[in-house]
């Protein structure tokens, strides 16, 4: 993992501790937009601390109305409006690099993190430039994913994982079917109200503003090989590969080779950059140019998250 360097993401913008963030952002919209497209992420530090409502207003100032967390894949707590906690996941667990909602038909172009309480130890949000990740992936692997895409298979209400009622924020099967039909997701209802979905997505997309191609998917994140060995073995023994809470394949349903998954892991690892959080920090990210993750931590850690500026897959 790289140490934070001036020439890498994120670009760090310091204040004297007395500047109001929303006022500053209002007067620096063009600067923020240009630097996001260049660096992929901006860390705003030493500004006046913001409240939850101030964080929400900052998002509106920079990127428009905060978005609802739809088609969920991780547990979060709604704090206010469309401001959420970062993933409510055990502190000892590492969360792999990913681009928010890259498995969906639409996703936020902007994602914001606000550090309310940094962890006593660990708890960083490592990030990586997805342009550079793509450049590290071999032409052969890139071409395979271009030709086949990738498939996400999810199983709900079989045991572990969040329910389809939580994921789709409804208890009505017809509402789920309507959403999935509109978003290119295949639905299979199993007995006892259980649900299996399949979605085939592109693994490499073009940024709608810069025109650059980026590695943008959850192919490694949701693959069974990314689980801790003990958890992986227990889930496979109980459910088998077809009924796992989540797993990924090539878009034609064929398995992704272990050496390809290792290649992707290495590309992410070589491009990972980390920095320690400070209370009051705001991280503004281009969700397509940069992936994010979470390191394990000790003690209390509280980060708020908001997303904005929806992008449709057809526009990339």
Protein backbone atom coordinates (compact mmCIF):
# COMPACT_ATOMS: atom_id res chain seq x y z
CA UNK A 1 0.00 0.00 0.00
CA UNK A 2 1.36 3.40 -0.94
CA UNK A 3 1.85 6.20 1.54
CA UNK A 4 0.00 9.42 0.78
CA UNK A 5 2.00 11.53 -1.67
CA UNK A 6 1.37 15.00 -2.93
CA UNK A 7 1.10 13.94 -6.54
CA UNK A 8 -1.40 11.14 -5.91
CA UNK A 9 -5.03 11.10 -4.97
CA UNK A 10 -6.54 12.55 -2.93
CA UNK A 11 -5.73 16.18 -3.54
CA UNK A 12 -5.62 17.75 -0.06
CA UNK A 13 -7.14 21.21 0.37
CA UNK A 14 -6.29 22.80 3.73
CA UNK A 15 -8.09 25.66 5.44
CA UNK A 16 -7.04 27.83 8.37
CA UNK A 17 -9.72 26.25 10.54
CA UNK A 18 -12.17 29.12 10.28
CA UNK A 19 -13.52 28.83 6.73
CA UNK A 20 -17.12 27.75 6.25
CA UNK A 21 -17.20 24.75 3.92
CA UNK A 22 -20.43 25.53 2.11
CA UNK A 23 -19.38 29.13 1.49
CA UNK A 24 -15.98 27.99 0.23
CA UNK A 25 -17.53 25.30 -2.00
CA UNK A 26 -20.04 27.76 -3.46
CA UNK A 27 -17.18 29.98 -4.63
CA UNK A 28 -14.97 27.11 -5.85
CA UNK A 29 -17.32 24.89 -7.84
CA UNK A 30 -15.23 25.00 -11.01
CA UNK A 31 -12.06 24.28 -9.02
CA UNK A 32 -13.69 21.29 -7.31
CA UNK A 33 -15.03 19.88 -10.57
CA UNK A 34 -11.73 20.27 -12.41
CA UNK A 35 -9.67 18.75 -9.60
CA UNK A 36 -12.06 15.83 -9.18
CA UNK A 37 -11.71 15.00 -12.86
CA UNK A 38 -7.93 15.25 -12.53
CA UNK A 39 -7.31 13.53 -9.19
CA UNK A 40 -10.47 11.51 -8.58
CA UNK A 41 -10.72 12.60 -4.93
CA UNK A 42 -10.35 15.74 -2.82
CA UNK A 43 -9.75 15.75 0.94
CA UNK A 44 -11.06 18.94 2.57
CA UNK A 45 -9.27 19.46 5.89
CA UNK A 46 -9.23 22.03 8.73
CA UNK A 47 -12.46 23.75 7.71
CA UNK A 48 -15.09 24.57 10.30
CA UNK A 49 -16.74 21.29 11.36
CA UNK A 50 -20.11 20.63 9.74
CA UNK A 51 -23.28 19.25 11.27
CA UNK A 52 -25.26 16.53 9.53
CA UNK A 53 -27.46 19.19 7.92
CA UNK A 54 -24.32 21.12 6.94
CA UNK A 55 -22.89 18.00 5.32
CA UNK A 56 -26.12 17.55 3.39
CA UNK A 57 -25.99 21.18 2.28
CA UNK A 58 -22.38 20.78 1.16
CA UNK A 59 -23.40 17.87 -1.07
CA UNK A 60 -26.19 19.98 -2.57
CA UNK A 61 -23.75 22.83 -3.20
CA UNK A 62 -21.23 20.65 -5.01
CA UNK A 63 -23.32 17.98 -6.73
CA UNK A 64 -27.04 18.50 -6.24
CA UNK A 65 -29.65 16.68 -4.19
CA UNK A 66 -28.37 13.69 -2.15
CA UNK A 67 -29.57 10.34 -3.48
CA UNK A 68 -31.43 7.57 -1.70
CA UNK A 69 -29.39 4.41 -1.12
CA UNK A 70 -31.20 2.04 -3.49
CA UNK A 71 -30.70 -1.64 -4.40
CA UNK A 72 -28.66 -2.03 -1.23
CA UNK A 73 -25.80 -4.44 -0.71
CA UNK A 74 -24.63 -3.46 2.78
CA UNK A 75 -26.28 -2.44 6.05
CA UNK A 76 -26.37 1.31 6.74
CA UNK A 77 -28.25 3.50 9.17
CA UNK A 78 -30.19 6.45 7.77
CA UNK A 79 -29.12 9.48 9.79
CA UNK A 80 -31.15 12.26 8.19
CA UNK A 81 -32.73 12.59 4.76
CA UNK A 82 -30.38 10.76 2.39
CA UNK A 83 -27.38 10.94 4.70
CA UNK A 84 -26.29 7.54 6.02
CA UNK A 85 -23.65 6.00 8.21
CA UNK A 86 -20.79 4.33 6.40
CA UNK A 87 -21.31 0.56 6.18
CA UNK A 88 -22.41 -0.92 9.52
CA UNK A 89 -19.95 -3.80 9.37
CA UNK A 90 -17.90 -5.38 12.20
CA UNK A 91 -14.85 -3.28 13.05
CA UNK A 92 -12.43 -6.18 12.65
CA UNK A 93 -13.51 -6.76 9.03
CA UNK A 94 -11.84 -5.23 6.00
CA UNK A 95 -14.07 -3.93 3.21
CA UNK A 96 -12.55 -4.39 -0.24
CA UNK A 97 -12.08 -1.66 -2.82
CA UNK A 98 -15.19 -0.95 -4.86
CA UNK A 99 -17.08 1.77 -6.71
CA UNK A 100 -20.42 2.49 -5.09
CA UNK A 101 -23.33 0.78 -6.86
CA UNK A 102 -21.28 -0.28 -9.88
CA UNK A 103 -23.49 -3.40 -10.07
CA UNK A 104 -26.56 -1.25 -10.73
CA UNK A 105 -28.00 0.25 -13.89
CA UNK A 106 -27.43 3.71 -12.41
CA UNK A 107 -25.04 4.99 -9.78
CA UNK A 108 -23.86 8.20 -8.12
CA UNK A 109 -21.06 10.05 -9.87
CA UNK A 110 -20.19 11.75 -6.58
CA UNK A 111 -19.77 10.21 -3.14
CA UNK A 112 -18.96 12.14 0.03
CA UNK A 113 -17.55 11.00 3.37
CA UNK A 114 -17.57 13.10 6.54
CA UNK A 115 -15.39 12.01 9.47
CA UNK A 116 -17.24 12.75 12.71
CA UNK A 117 -15.12 10.51 14.96
CA UNK A 118 -11.93 8.86 13.68
CA UNK A 119 -11.12 5.40 14.99
CA UNK A 120 -8.62 5.04 17.81
CA UNK A 121 -6.58 2.79 15.55
CA UNK A 122 -7.01 1.94 11.86
CA UNK A 123 -10.29 2.65 10.13
CA UNK A 124 -8.77 4.42 7.14
CA UNK A 125 -10.67 4.64 3.85
CA UNK A 126 -8.07 3.43 1.33
CA UNK A 127 -8.74 4.59 -2.23
CA UNK A 128 -7.44 3.79 -5.71
CA UNK A 129 -7.47 5.49 -9.11
CA UNK A 130 -9.56 3.27 -11.40
CA UNK A 131 -7.82 4.57 -14.51
CA UNK A 132 -4.52 3.30 -13.14
CA UNK A 133 -6.10 0.04 -11.98
CA UNK A 134 -7.34 -0.57 -15.53
CA UNK A 135 -3.88 0.19 -16.93
CA UNK A 136 -2.38 -2.55 -14.71
CA UNK A 137 -4.79 -5.20 -15.96
CA UNK A 138 -3.46 -7.20 -18.91
CA UNK A 139 -4.88 -6.62 -22.40
CA UNK A 140 -6.04 -10.24 -22.50
CA UNK A 141 -8.06 -9.90 -19.28
CA UNK A 142 -9.47 -6.56 -20.35
CA UNK A 143 -10.60 -7.99 -23.67
CA UNK A 144 -12.23 -10.97 -21.97
CA UNK A 145 -14.29 -8.68 -19.75
CA UNK A 146 -15.10 -6.36 -22.65
CA UNK A 147 -16.44 -9.30 -24.63
CA UNK A 148 -18.27 -11.07 -21.80
CA UNK A 149 -19.00 -8.48 -19.13
CA UNK A 150 -19.56 -9.76 -15.62
CA UNK A 151 -22.55 -11.24 -13.82
CA UNK A 152 -23.69 -10.70 -10.25
CA UNK A 153 -25.88 -13.43 -8.75
CA UNK A 154 -27.56 -12.62 -5.43
CA UNK A 155 -29.70 -14.86 -3.22
CA UNK A 156 -31.97 -13.31 -0.61
CA UNK A 157 -33.69 -14.70 2.49
CA UNK A 158 -31.71 -17.97 2.40
CA UNK A 159 -29.88 -17.18 5.63
CA UNK A 160 -27.04 -14.67 5.96
CA UNK A 161 -27.06 -11.28 4.28
CA UNK A 162 -29.69 -8.59 4.07
CA UNK A 163 -33.21 -9.42 2.93
CA UNK A 164 -34.71 -8.45 -0.41
CA UNK A 165 -37.21 -6.35 1.53
CA UNK A 166 -34.29 -4.26 2.83
CA UNK A 167 -32.43 -4.23 -0.48
CA UNK A 168 -35.40 -2.97 -2.48
CA UNK A 169 -37.09 -1.09 0.37
CA UNK A 170 -40.44 -2.81 -0.19
CA UNK A 171 -42.31 -5.93 0.91
CA UNK A 172 -44.19 -6.25 -2.40
CA UNK A 173 -42.88 -8.75 -4.93
CA UNK A 174 -44.52 -6.90 -7.82
CA UNK A 175 -42.60 -3.74 -6.92
CA UNK A 176 -39.35 -5.72 -6.91
CA UNK A 177 -40.16 -7.26 -10.28
CA UNK A 178 -41.02 -3.89 -11.77
CA UNK A 179 -37.75 -2.36 -10.55
CA UNK A 180 -35.69 -5.29 -11.79
CA UNK A 181 -37.37 -5.37 -15.19
CA UNK A 182 -36.62 -1.64 -15.65
CA UNK A 183 -32.99 -2.13 -14.64
CA UNK A 184 -31.93 -5.23 -16.54
CA UNK A 185 -32.07 -7.65 -13.60
CA UNK A 186 -33.37 -11.20 -14.00
CA UNK A 187 -35.71 -12.29 -11.17
CA UNK A 188 -36.26 -15.85 -9.96
CA UNK A 189 -38.63 -16.42 -7.04
CA UNK A 190 -37.86 -19.54 -5.05
CA UNK A 191 -40.05 -21.20 -2.43
CA UNK A 192 -40.90 -19.50 0.87
CA UNK A 193 -40.52 -16.03 -0.59
CA UNK A 194 -36.82 -16.42 -1.35
CA UNK A 195 -35.34 -14.53 -4.28
CA UNK A 196 -32.47 -15.00 -6.72
CA UNK A 197 -31.41 -12.18 -9.05
CA UNK A 198 -28.93 -12.08 -11.90
CA UNK A 199 -27.53 -8.95 -13.51
CA UNK A 200 -25.00 -8.76 -16.34
CA UNK A 201 -23.00 -5.54 -16.44
CA UNK A 202 -20.00 -4.11 -18.26
CA UNK A 203 -16.73 -4.21 -16.31
CA UNK A 204 -15.09 -1.27 -18.08
CA UNK A 205 -17.02 1.95 -18.64
CA UNK A 206 -16.32 5.37 -20.11
CA UNK A 207 -16.44 8.37 -17.81
CA UNK A 208 -19.21 10.69 -19.04
CA UNK A 209 -17.15 13.85 -18.43
CA UNK A 210 -13.51 12.96 -19.13
CA UNK A 211 -14.12 10.26 -21.76
CA UNK A 212 -11.56 8.02 -20.01
CA UNK A 213 -12.15 4.30 -19.61
CA UNK A 214 -12.11 3.01 -16.05
CA UNK A 215 -12.24 -0.34 -14.25
CA UNK A 216 -15.71 -0.09 -12.72
CA UNK A 217 -17.33 -3.21 -11.26
CA UNK A 218 -17.85 -5.43 -8.23
CA UNK A 219 -16.53 -8.58 -9.94
CA UNK A 220 -13.83 -9.17 -7.32
CA UNK A 221 -15.72 -7.62 -4.40
CA UNK A 222 -18.64 -10.08 -4.52
CA UNK A 223 -16.69 -13.13 -5.70
CA UNK A 224 -16.76 -16.05 -3.29
CA UNK A 225 -12.95 -16.14 -3.23
CA UNK A 226 -12.95 -12.72 -1.55
CA UNK A 227 -14.59 -14.11 1.59
CA UNK A 228 -12.50 -15.10 4.59
CA UNK A 229 -11.56 -18.80 4.20
CA UNK A 230 -13.58 -19.99 7.22
CA UNK A 231 -16.68 -18.09 6.16
CA UNK A 232 -16.31 -19.19 2.53
CA UNK A 233 -16.04 -22.86 3.47
CA UNK A 234 -19.02 -22.68 5.83
CA UNK A 235 -21.25 -20.95 3.27
CA UNK A 236 -20.30 -23.34 0.48
CA UNK A 237 -20.96 -26.31 2.71
CA UNK A 238 -24.39 -25.02 3.76
CA UNK A 239 -25.67 -23.44 0.55
CA UNK A 240 -23.50 -24.62 -2.32
CA UNK A 241 -22.24 -22.24 -4.98
CA UNK A 242 -25.65 -21.58 -6.56
CA UNK A 243 -27.30 -20.27 -3.37
CA UNK A 244 -24.54 -18.12 -1.91
CA UNK A 245 -25.66 -14.67 -0.77
CA UNK A 246 -23.58 -13.24 -3.63
CA UNK A 247 -21.14 -14.46 -6.24
CA UNK A 248 -19.81 -13.27 -9.57
CA UNK A 249 -19.08 -14.81 -12.95
CA UNK A 250 -18.33 -13.69 -16.46
CA UNK A 251 -21.41 -12.31 -18.13
CA UNK A 252 -22.09 -15.61 -19.90
CA UNK A 253 -22.19 -17.42 -16.55
CA UNK A 254 -18.79 -19.07 -16.88
CA UNK A 255 -16.43 -18.94 -13.88
CA UNK A 256 -13.80 -16.22 -13.55
CA UNK A 257 -10.41 -17.92 -13.44
CA UNK A 258 -8.45 -17.73 -10.15
CA UNK A 259 -5.43 -16.21 -11.90
CA UNK A 260 -7.65 -13.42 -13.30
CA UNK A 261 -9.01 -12.67 -9.83
CA UNK A 262 -5.44 -12.58 -8.49
CA UNK A 263 -4.47 -10.20 -11.27
CA UNK A 264 -7.31 -7.85 -10.33
CA UNK A 265 -6.35 -8.05 -6.63
CA UNK A 266 -2.78 -7.15 -7.48
CA UNK A 267 -3.84 -4.22 -9.66
CA UNK A 268 -5.95 -2.81 -6.82
CA UNK A 269 -3.19 -3.39 -4.27
CA UNK A 270 -0.54 -1.64 -6.34
CA UNK A 271 -2.74 1.46 -6.73
CA UNK A 272 -4.09 1.67 -3.16
CA UNK A 273 -3.42 4.92 -1.28
CA UNK A 274 -4.30 5.47 2.37
CA UNK A 275 -4.44 8.40 4.77
CA UNK A 276 -5.42 8.75 8.46
CA UNK A 277 -8.76 10.39 9.14
CA UNK A 278 -8.99 13.54 11.22
CA UNK A 279 -12.21 14.72 12.85
CA UNK A 280 -13.97 17.14 10.50
CA UNK A 281 -12.37 15.78 7.32
CA UNK A 282 -14.55 15.68 4.21
CA UNK A 283 -13.59 13.36 1.35
CA UNK A 284 -15.21 14.20 -1.99
CA UNK A 285 -14.82 11.48 -4.61
CA UNK A 286 -15.60 10.90 -8.24
CA UNK A 287 -17.17 7.47 -7.82
CA UNK A 288 -16.10 6.35 -11.30
CA UNK A 289 -12.51 7.59 -11.25
CA UNK A 290 -11.74 6.33 -7.74
CA UNK A 291 -12.66 3.24 -5.73
CA UNK A 292 -12.85 3.20 -1.93
CA UNK A 293 -12.59 0.64 0.87
CA UNK A 294 -12.30 0.41 4.65
CA UNK A 295 -9.50 -0.83 6.87
CA UNK A 296 -10.26 -2.71 10.11
CA UNK A 297 -10.27 -0.55 13.21
CA UNK A 298 -10.43 -0.37 17.00
CA UNK A 299 -12.54 1.95 19.11
CA UNK A 300 -15.44 4.14 18.09
CA UNK A 301 -15.53 5.26 14.45
CA UNK A 302 -18.28 7.38 12.91
CA UNK A 303 -18.34 8.42 9.28
CA UNK A 304 -21.30 9.86 7.40
CA UNK A 305 -21.87 9.13 3.72
CA UNK A 306 -23.89 10.88 1.04
CA UNK A 307 -24.18 10.33 -2.71
CA UNK A 308 -25.30 12.58 -5.56
CA UNK A 309 -25.42 13.17 -9.32
CA UNK A 310 -26.94 9.98 -10.80
CA UNK A 311 -25.42 8.46 -13.94
CA UNK A 312 -27.23 6.00 -16.20
CA UNK A 313 -25.27 3.07 -17.63
CA UNK A 314 -26.49 3.93 -21.13
CA UNK A 315 -24.69 7.27 -20.86
CA UNK A 316 -21.25 5.69 -20.41
